[in-house]
Amino acid sequence: MTEDNPIEPTLDSVVTHLRYIRSDLKNINNQLKTDYVKKAEFTPVKNLVFGFSGLLLTGVVITVGKLIFDHLK
């Protein structure tokens, strides 16, 4: 035991910590499988949102253009 590191790692403590890490990784993997949306599931939603946004933006640009051209006449 040194003064800089009061806890000297032993094989038992390392094995114990590795078990905790393994358990934490299993929990994280389970959470990722259940709580998060996969890319394949998200792609259709993203395409719909981009499509509707494009339509909205096109409508706004056409309306502003029409107002400008009507004002110039």
N, C-alpha and C. Protein backbone atom coordinates (compact mmCIF):
# COMPACT_ATOMS: atom_id res chain seq x y z
N MET A 1 0.85 -1.18 0.00
CA MET A 1 0.00 0.00 0.00
C MET A 1 0.89 1.23 0.00
N THR A 2 0.59 2.18 -0.91
CA THR A 2 1.36 3.41 -1.00
C THR A 2 0.53 4.57 -0.47
N GLU A 3 1.19 5.68 -0.25
CA GLU A 3 0.47 6.85 0.26
C GLU A 3 -0.37 7.50 -0.83
N ASP A 4 0.06 7.40 -2.08
CA ASP A 4 -0.70 7.99 -3.18
C ASP A 4 -1.99 7.21 -3.45
N ASN A 5 -1.91 5.89 -3.32
CA ASN A 5 -3.05 5.04 -3.59
C ASN A 5 -3.31 4.18 -2.35
N PRO A 6 -4.21 4.63 -1.47
CA PRO A 6 -4.44 3.88 -0.23
C PRO A 6 -5.09 2.52 -0.45
N ILE A 7 -5.74 2.32 -1.61
CA ILE A 7 -6.39 1.04 -1.88
C ILE A 7 -5.55 0.30 -2.90
N GLU A 8 -4.91 -0.72 -2.47
CA GLU A 8 -4.08 -1.51 -3.38
C GLU A 8 -4.96 -2.55 -4.06
N PRO A 9 -4.96 -2.58 -5.38
CA PRO A 9 -5.82 -3.54 -6.07
C PRO A 9 -5.34 -4.97 -5.87
N THR A 10 -6.27 -5.79 -5.51
CA THR A 10 -5.98 -7.21 -5.40
C THR A 10 -6.75 -7.92 -6.50
N LEU A 11 -6.42 -9.15 -6.74
CA LEU A 11 -7.09 -9.90 -7.78
C LEU A 11 -8.58 -10.02 -7.49
N ASP A 12 -8.93 -10.23 -6.24
CA ASP A 12 -10.35 -10.34 -5.87
C ASP A 12 -11.11 -9.04 -6.13
N SER A 13 -10.49 -7.92 -5.78
CA SER A 13 -11.18 -6.65 -6.00
C SER A 13 -11.30 -6.35 -7.49
N VAL A 14 -10.30 -6.71 -8.27
CA VAL A 14 -10.37 -6.49 -9.71
C VAL A 14 -11.48 -7.35 -10.32
N VAL A 15 -11.57 -8.59 -9.91
CA VAL A 15 -12.61 -9.49 -10.41
C VAL A 15 -13.99 -8.97 -10.02
N THR A 16 -14.12 -8.49 -8.81
CA THR A 16 -15.39 -7.94 -8.35
C THR A 16 -15.80 -6.73 -9.19
N HIS A 17 -14.85 -5.84 -9.43
CA HIS A 17 -15.14 -4.66 -10.24
C HIS A 17 -15.48 -5.04 -11.68
N LEU A 18 -14.82 -6.03 -12.22
CA LEU A 18 -15.14 -6.49 -13.57
C LEU A 18 -16.55 -7.07 -13.64
N ARG A 19 -16.98 -7.74 -12.58
CA ARG A 19 -18.35 -8.25 -12.53
C ARG A 19 -19.36 -7.10 -12.52
N TYR A 20 -19.06 -6.05 -11.75
CA TYR A 20 -19.94 -4.88 -11.73
C TYR A 20 -19.99 -4.22 -13.11
N ILE A 21 -18.83 -4.12 -13.75
CA ILE A 21 -18.79 -3.52 -15.07
C ILE A 21 -19.59 -4.35 -16.06
N ARG A 22 -19.45 -5.66 -16.00
CA ARG A 22 -20.20 -6.54 -16.89
C ARG A 22 -21.70 -6.38 -16.66
N SER A 23 -22.09 -6.29 -15.39
CA SER A 23 -23.51 -6.11 -15.06
C SER A 23 -24.01 -4.76 -15.59
N ASP A 24 -23.21 -3.71 -15.43
CA ASP A 24 -23.60 -2.40 -15.94
C ASP A 24 -23.73 -2.43 -17.46
N LEU A 25 -22.82 -3.10 -18.14
CA LEU A 25 -22.90 -3.18 -19.60
C LEU A 25 -24.14 -3.95 -20.05
N LYS A 26 -24.49 -5.00 -19.33
CA LYS A 26 -25.72 -5.74 -19.66
C LYS A 26 -26.94 -4.83 -19.49
N ASN A 27 -26.96 -4.05 -18.42
CA ASN A 27 -28.07 -3.12 -18.19
C ASN A 27 -28.16 -2.08 -19.30
N ILE A 28 -27.01 -1.55 -19.71
CA ILE A 28 -26.99 -0.55 -20.77
C ILE A 28 -27.47 -1.17 -22.08
N ASN A 29 -27.01 -2.37 -22.40
CA ASN A 29 -27.45 -3.04 -23.62
C ASN A 29 -28.95 -3.31 -23.61
N ASN A 30 -29.48 -3.75 -22.48
CA ASN A 30 -30.93 -3.99 -22.38
C ASN A 30 -31.70 -2.69 -22.56
N GLN A 31 -31.19 -1.61 -21.98
CA GLN A 31 -31.86 -0.32 -22.11
C GLN A 31 -31.81 0.15 -23.57
N LEU A 32 -30.69 -0.05 -24.23
CA LEU A 32 -30.59 0.35 -25.64
C LEU A 32 -31.56 -0.45 -26.50
N LYS A 33 -31.74 -1.72 -26.20
CA LYS A 33 -32.64 -2.56 -26.99
C LYS A 33 -34.10 -2.15 -26.82
N THR A 34 -34.46 -1.68 -25.62
CA THR A 34 -35.88 -1.42 -25.35
C THR A 34 -36.27 0.05 -25.47
N ASP A 35 -35.38 0.98 -25.11
CA ASP A 35 -35.78 2.38 -24.97
C ASP A 35 -35.45 3.25 -26.18
N TYR A 36 -34.59 2.81 -27.04
CA TYR A 36 -34.15 3.67 -28.13
C TYR A 36 -34.63 3.15 -29.47
N VAL A 37 -34.87 4.08 -30.39
CA VAL A 37 -35.38 3.75 -31.71
C VAL A 37 -34.21 3.40 -32.62
N LYS A 38 -34.36 2.32 -33.34
CA LYS A 38 -33.31 1.91 -34.27
C LYS A 38 -33.37 2.76 -35.53
N LYS A 39 -32.27 2.83 -36.23
CA LYS A 39 -32.21 3.66 -37.43
C LYS A 39 -33.22 3.20 -38.47
N ALA A 40 -33.38 1.90 -38.63
CA ALA A 40 -34.32 1.38 -39.62
C ALA A 40 -35.76 1.78 -39.28
N GLU A 41 -36.08 1.89 -37.99
CA GLU A 41 -37.42 2.30 -37.59
C GLU A 41 -37.60 3.81 -37.73
N PHE A 42 -36.53 4.56 -37.62
CA PHE A 42 -36.61 6.02 -37.63
C PHE A 42 -36.63 6.58 -39.05
N THR A 43 -36.05 5.89 -40.00
CA THR A 43 -35.91 6.41 -41.37
C THR A 43 -37.24 6.80 -42.01
N PRO A 44 -38.29 5.97 -41.95
CA PRO A 44 -39.56 6.41 -42.56
C PRO A 44 -40.14 7.66 -41.91
N VAL A 45 -40.01 7.78 -40.62
CA VAL A 45 -40.51 8.97 -39.92
C VAL A 45 -39.72 10.19 -40.37
N LYS A 46 -38.41 10.04 -40.47
CA LYS A 46 -37.57 11.14 -40.91
C LYS A 46 -37.95 11.57 -42.33
N ASN A 47 -38.19 10.61 -43.19
CA ASN A 47 -38.57 10.94 -44.57
C ASN A 47 -39.90 11.69 -44.62
N LEU A 48 -40.85 11.28 -43.80
CA LEU A 48 -42.14 11.98 -43.75
C LEU A 48 -41.97 13.42 -43.26
N VAL A 49 -41.19 13.60 -42.23
CA VAL A 49 -40.97 14.94 -41.68
C VAL A 49 -40.27 15.82 -42.71
N PHE A 50 -39.26 15.29 -43.36
CA PHE A 50 -38.57 16.07 -44.40
C PHE A 50 -39.51 16.39 -45.55
N GLY A 51 -40.37 15.45 -45.93
CA GLY A 51 -41.32 15.70 -47.02
C GLY A 51 -42.30 16.80 -46.67
N PHE A 52 -42.88 16.74 -45.48
CA PHE A 52 -43.82 17.78 -45.06
C PHE A 52 -43.12 19.13 -44.91
N SER A 53 -41.90 19.12 -44.41
CA SER A 53 -41.15 20.37 -44.28
C SER A 53 -40.87 20.97 -45.65
N GLY A 54 -40.53 20.11 -46.60
CA GLY A 54 -40.28 20.58 -47.96
C GLY A 54 -41.53 21.18 -48.58
N LEU A 55 -42.67 20.53 -48.38
CA LEU A 55 -43.92 21.07 -48.91
C LEU A 55 -44.25 22.41 -48.28
N LEU A 56 -44.07 22.52 -46.98
CA LEU A 56 -44.35 23.77 -46.29
C LEU A 56 -43.42 24.88 -46.79
N LEU A 57 -42.16 24.57 -46.91
CA LEU A 57 -41.20 25.57 -47.39
C LEU A 57 -41.49 25.97 -48.83
N THR A 58 -41.86 25.02 -49.66
CA THR A 58 -42.23 25.33 -51.04
C THR A 58 -43.44 26.26 -51.08
N GLY A 59 -44.43 25.99 -50.25
CA GLY A 59 -45.61 26.85 -50.18
C GLY A 59 -45.26 28.26 -49.75
N VAL A 60 -44.39 28.39 -48.78
CA VAL A 60 -43.99 29.72 -48.30
C VAL A 60 -43.24 30.47 -49.39
N VAL A 61 -42.31 29.80 -50.07
CA VAL A 61 -41.54 30.45 -51.13
C VAL A 61 -42.45 30.88 -52.28
N ILE A 62 -43.38 30.02 -52.66
CA ILE A 62 -44.32 30.37 -53.74
C ILE A 62 -45.19 31.55 -53.33
N THR A 63 -45.67 31.57 -52.11
CA THR A 63 -46.52 32.66 -51.63
C THR A 63 -45.75 33.98 -51.59
N VAL A 64 -44.53 33.95 -51.08
CA VAL A 64 -43.73 35.17 -51.04
C VAL A 64 -43.42 35.63 -52.46
N GLY A 65 -43.10 34.71 -53.33
CA GLY A 65 -42.84 35.07 -54.73
C GLY A 65 -44.05 35.69 -55.39
N LYS A 66 -45.22 35.11 -55.14
CA LYS A 66 -46.46 35.65 -55.72
C LYS A 66 -46.72 37.05 -55.19
N LEU A 67 -46.50 37.27 -53.88
CA LEU A 67 -46.71 38.61 -53.32
C LEU A 67 -45.74 39.61 -53.94
N ILE A 68 -44.51 39.23 -54.16
CA ILE A 68 -43.53 40.13 -54.75
C ILE A 68 -43.92 40.46 -56.19
N PHE A 69 -44.26 39.44 -56.98
CA PHE A 69 -44.61 39.67 -58.37
C PHE A 69 -45.91 40.47 -58.50
N ASP A 70 -46.87 40.23 -57.64
CA ASP A 70 -48.11 41.01 -57.66
C ASP A 70 -47.85 42.47 -57.30
N HIS A 71 -46.92 42.70 -56.41
CA HIS A 71 -46.59 44.06 -55.98
C HIS A 71 -45.88 44.81 -57.09
N LEU A 72 -45.10 44.11 -57.92
CA LEU A 72 -44.35 44.76 -58.98
C LEU A 72 -45.24 45.16 -60.17
N LYS A 73 -46.40 44.55 -60.32
CA LYS A 73 -47.29 44.85 -61.45
C LYS A 73 -47.94 46.18 -61.33
